[in-house]
Protein backbone atom coordinates (compact mmCIF):
# COMPACT_ATOMS: atom_id res chain seq x y z
CA MET A 1 103.12 131.37 -28.48
CA MET A 2 99.84 133.45 -28.51
CA SER A 3 96.40 130.77 -29.70
CA LEU A 4 94.52 132.04 -32.43
CA SER A 5 90.93 132.71 -32.23
CA PRO A 6 88.80 130.70 -34.26
CA GLU A 7 88.40 133.28 -35.97
CA ASP A 8 91.90 133.52 -38.01
CA ARG A 9 92.39 130.06 -37.40
CA THR A 10 89.21 129.97 -40.63
CA ARG A 11 90.71 133.09 -42.32
CA ILE A 12 93.91 131.54 -42.50
CA LEU A 13 92.36 128.36 -43.55
CA LEU A 14 90.61 130.20 -46.10
CA GLN A 15 94.15 132.16 -47.30
CA VAL A 16 95.04 128.63 -47.93
CA LEU A 17 92.87 127.37 -49.97
CA GLN A 18 91.77 130.52 -51.84
CA GLY A 19 95.94 130.52 -53.02
CA ASP A 20 96.33 133.77 -51.15
CA ARG A 21 98.87 132.22 -48.55
CA THR A 22 100.97 129.01 -48.88
CA PRO A 23 100.55 125.97 -46.88
CA GLU A 24 104.19 126.52 -44.98
CA SER A 25 103.51 129.74 -43.56
CA ALA A 26 100.05 128.18 -42.56
CA GLU A 27 101.45 125.85 -41.09
CA VAL A 28 103.81 128.40 -38.85
CA ASP A 29 101.02 130.22 -37.81
CA LEU A 30 98.33 127.74 -37.50
CA GLN A 31 101.75 125.88 -34.62
CA GLY A 32 99.99 124.92 -31.33
CA SER A 33 96.41 125.54 -32.34
CA THR A 34 93.89 123.33 -32.12
CA TRP A 35 92.62 121.63 -34.57
CA GLU A 36 89.16 120.33 -33.21
CA SER A 37 86.52 123.29 -33.51
CA GLU A 38 83.06 123.17 -34.73
CA ASP A 39 83.63 125.54 -37.60
CA GLN A 40 85.33 123.11 -39.88
CA VAL A 41 86.43 125.06 -43.64
CA VAL A 42 84.61 124.20 -46.52
CA LEU A 43 86.10 123.07 -49.66
CA LYS A 44 84.56 124.07 -52.37
CA LYS A 45 85.04 122.65 -56.31
CA VAL A 46 85.91 126.62 -57.08
CA HIS A 47 89.13 126.14 -54.67
CA LEU A 48 90.26 123.00 -56.80
CA ARG A 49 89.37 124.79 -59.61
CA SER A 50 91.40 127.65 -58.61
CA ALA A 51 94.40 125.82 -57.69
CA ILE A 52 94.61 123.36 -60.96
CA GLY A 53 93.82 126.59 -63.12
CA SER A 54 96.64 128.34 -61.30
CA PHE A 55 99.13 125.62 -61.67
CA LEU A 56 98.42 125.64 -65.90
CA ALA A 57 98.70 129.11 -66.53
CA GLY A 58 102.32 128.91 -64.48
CA LEU A 59 101.21 131.08 -61.32
CA ARG A 60 101.50 127.66 -59.22
CA SER A 61 104.48 125.28 -59.43
CA ALA A 62 103.96 121.30 -59.60
CA ASP A 63 105.56 121.72 -56.43
CA GLU A 64 103.23 124.18 -55.17
CA LEU A 65 99.62 122.32 -55.94
CA HIS A 66 101.25 120.05 -55.00
CA ALA A 67 101.82 120.98 -51.14
CA TRP A 68 98.58 122.52 -51.11
CA ALA A 69 96.54 119.27 -51.73
CA GLU A 70 98.98 117.55 -48.68
CA PHE A 71 98.08 120.34 -46.78
CA ILE A 72 94.41 120.19 -47.26
CA GLU A 73 93.81 116.50 -47.55
CA GLY A 74 95.61 116.68 -43.74
CA ARG A 75 93.74 119.42 -41.97
CA ASP A 76 90.64 117.74 -40.10
CA ASP A 77 89.60 121.22 -39.93
CA ILE A 78 88.46 121.27 -43.44
CA ASP A 79 84.77 119.90 -44.53
CA PHE A 80 84.83 117.88 -48.22
CA ALA A 81 81.46 117.40 -47.81
CA CYS A 82 80.39 119.51 -50.55
CA LEU A 83 82.72 117.83 -53.18
CA ASP A 84 81.65 114.55 -55.13
CA SER A 85 84.44 111.79 -56.09
CA GLN A 86 85.98 112.47 -58.61
CA ALA A 87 87.11 115.77 -56.97
CA LEU A 88 87.57 113.75 -53.82
CA GLU A 89 90.02 111.50 -56.49
CA ILE A 90 92.04 114.75 -58.12
CA ILE A 91 92.63 115.64 -54.44
CA ARG A 92 93.85 112.03 -53.26
CA ILE A 93 95.95 111.90 -56.03
CA LEU A 94 97.93 115.58 -56.31
CA ALA A 95 97.73 114.11 -52.59
CA SER A 96 100.29 111.59 -53.07
CA ARG A 97 103.00 112.52 -54.71
CA GLN A 98 105.58 109.70 -54.14
CA LEU A 99 103.00 107.58 -55.09
CA GLU A 100 101.02 109.16 -58.19
CA GLY A 101 104.42 111.21 -59.50
CA ASP A 102 104.34 115.39 -60.54
CA VAL A 103 101.37 116.06 -62.37
CA THR A 104 101.37 117.11 -65.34
CA ARG A 105 100.18 119.88 -67.63
CA ASP A 106 98.22 116.86 -69.45
CA GLN A 107 96.79 115.37 -66.27
CA ALA A 108 96.01 119.31 -64.78
CA ARG A 109 94.13 119.52 -68.02
CA GLY A 110 92.38 116.50 -67.05
CA PHE A 111 91.48 117.42 -64.28
CA LEU A 112 89.68 120.46 -64.53
CA ALA A 113 87.77 118.64 -67.47
CA GLU A 114 86.27 116.12 -64.67
CA LEU A 115 85.61 119.16 -62.41
């Protein structure tokens, strides 16, 4: 497998954050690529709002929202520094499906209100 350029890795990660690519397809394309990079992709509240909004609009299932959160939470090449503690907690809850259970529409509306 060919090594990805830093630009390609960044593009793939941004596509996931923006909802333009599934985490599963990104994992396939990122396989074998190093996570260590001086350039991190910045996760912003707009990405989180968009992901939750897509779920509420029926464009993303609960499974897809949980997979999105699990993907981003587990990556060292995504920078969370722009997020406050509420946003970080929402990501933790969404990424901890086994502990927190499936996200509900009411819970998602509450998350958006907190953001």
